[in-house]
C-alpha atoms as a PDB file:
ATOM      1  CA  UNK A   1     -13.073  10.847  22.021  1.00  0.00           C
ATOM      2  CA  UNK A   2     -11.192   7.640  21.197  1.00  0.00           C
ATOM      3  CA  UNK A   3      -8.022   7.712  19.125  1.00  0.00           C
ATOM      4  CA  UNK A   4      -7.730   5.010  16.461  1.00  0.00           C
ATOM      5  CA  UNK A   5      -4.205   3.675  16.071  1.00  0.00           C
ATOM      6  CA  UNK A   6      -3.039   3.475  12.441  1.00  0.00           C
ATOM      7  CA  UNK A   7      -0.592   0.793  11.322  1.00  0.00           C
ATOM      8  CA  UNK A   8       2.484   1.996   9.448  1.00  0.00           C
ATOM      9  CA  UNK A   9       3.709  -0.893   7.296  1.00  0.00           C
ATOM     10  CA  UNK A  10       5.826   1.046   4.801  1.00  0.00           C
ATOM     11  CA  UNK A  11       8.736  -0.793   3.220  1.00  0.00           C
ATOM     12  CA  UNK A  12       7.684  -3.487   0.768  1.00  0.00           C
ATOM     13  CA  UNK A  13       5.515  -2.262  -2.138  1.00  0.00           C
ATOM     14  CA  UNK A  14       2.001  -3.699  -1.910  1.00  0.00           C
ATOM     15  CA  UNK A  15      -1.162  -3.935  -4.003  1.00  0.00           C
ATOM     16  CA  UNK A  16      -3.423  -4.971  -1.098  1.00  0.00           C
ATOM     17  CA  UNK A  17      -3.745  -3.973   2.539  1.00  0.00           C
ATOM     18  CA  UNK A  18      -3.533  -6.461   5.408  1.00  0.00           C
ATOM     19  CA  UNK A  19      -7.295  -5.976   5.858  1.00  0.00           C
ATOM     20  CA  UNK A  20      -7.857  -7.195   2.277  1.00  0.00           C
ATOM     21  CA  UNK A  21      -8.795  -3.807   0.806  1.00  0.00           C
ATOM     22  CA  UNK A  22      -7.456  -3.002  -2.675  1.00  0.00           C
ATOM     23  CA  UNK A  23      -8.180   0.756  -2.624  1.00  0.00           C
ATOM     24  CA  UNK A  24      -5.747   3.389  -1.366  1.00  0.00           C
ATOM     25  CA  UNK A  25      -5.527   7.161  -1.032  1.00  0.00           C
ATOM     26  CA  UNK A  26      -2.345   8.625  -2.524  1.00  0.00           C
ATOM     27  CA  UNK A  27      -0.999  12.108  -3.211  1.00  0.00           C
ATOM     28  CA  UNK A  28      -0.433  12.818  -6.901  1.00  0.00           C
ATOM     29  CA  UNK A  29       0.773  15.685  -9.083  1.00  0.00           C
ATOM     30  CA  UNK A  30      -0.871  16.028 -12.501  1.00  0.00           C
ATOM     31  CA  UNK A  31       0.865  16.982 -15.749  1.00  0.00           C
ATOM     32  CA  UNK A  32      -1.231  19.869 -17.057  1.00  0.00           C
ATOM     33  CA  UNK A  33      -0.397  19.150 -20.712  1.00  0.00           C
ATOM     34  CA  UNK A  34      -0.872  15.372 -20.877  1.00  0.00           C
ATOM     35  CA  UNK A  35      -3.367  15.129 -17.993  1.00  0.00           C
ATOM     36  CA  UNK A  36      -1.475  12.081 -16.721  1.00  0.00           C
ATOM     37  CA  UNK A  37      -0.008  11.475 -13.290  1.00  0.00           C
ATOM     38  CA  UNK A  38       3.385  13.179 -13.310  1.00  0.00           C
ATOM     39  CA  UNK A  39       4.454  12.262  -9.751  1.00  0.00           C
ATOM     40  CA  UNK A  40       3.037  10.344  -6.825  1.00  0.00           C
ATOM     41  CA  UNK A  41       4.012   9.876  -3.196  1.00  0.00           C
ATOM     42  CA  UNK A  42       4.933   6.288  -2.346  1.00  0.00           C
ATOM     43  CA  UNK A  43       3.050   6.474   0.965  1.00  0.00           C
ATOM     44  CA  UNK A  44      -0.479   5.149   0.409  1.00  0.00           C
ATOM     45  CA  UNK A  45      -3.316   4.999   2.938  1.00  0.00           C
ATOM     46  CA  UNK A  46      -5.874   2.174   2.946  1.00  0.00           C
ATOM     47  CA  UNK A  47      -9.445   3.374   2.282  1.00  0.00           C
ATOM     48  CA  UNK A  48     -10.855   0.825   4.776  1.00  0.00           C
ATOM     49  CA  UNK A  49      -8.598   0.777   7.832  1.00  0.00           C
ATOM     50  CA  UNK A  50      -6.132   3.651   7.323  1.00  0.00           C
ATOM     51  CA  UNK A  51      -2.999   1.482   7.328  1.00  0.00           C
ATOM     52  CA  UNK A  52      -0.087   3.220   5.600  1.00  0.00           C
ATOM     53  CA  UNK A  53       1.873   1.102   3.118  1.00  0.00           C
ATOM     54  CA  UNK A  54       4.284   1.639   0.217  1.00  0.00           C
ATOM     55  CA  UNK A  55       2.814   2.069  -3.264  1.00  0.00           C
ATOM     56  CA  UNK A  56       4.205  -0.159  -6.011  1.00  0.00           C
ATOM     57  CA  UNK A  57       6.163   1.364  -8.908  1.00  0.00           C
ATOM     58  CA  UNK A  58       7.060   0.150 -12.410  1.00  0.00           C
ATOM     59  CA  UNK A  59      10.604  -0.460 -11.141  1.00  0.00           C
ATOM     60  CA  UNK A  60       9.261  -2.969  -8.572  1.00  0.00           C
ATOM     61  CA  UNK A  61       7.564  -4.904 -11.364  1.00  0.00           C
ATOM     62  CA  UNK A  62      10.813  -5.122 -13.383  1.00  0.00           C
ATOM     63  CA  UNK A  63      12.645  -6.430 -10.311  1.00  0.00           C
ATOM     64  CA  UNK A  64      10.257  -9.416 -10.203  1.00  0.00           C
ATOM     65  CA  UNK A  65      11.070 -10.655 -13.693  1.00  0.00           C
END
């Protein structure tokens, strides 16, 4: 059985993986009253290649203005 090495590129928030994929798996906690995301882990895993990166947050967007 071969072991696939996964890149860990956490640090800078990103919207796209180095492989070009725009979809990620993240861990979330739901608010049972509003049915909105109440909390999410900043570690996100690329759906294509498995690379781990940092999820963007609203605070990151404000820092770019």
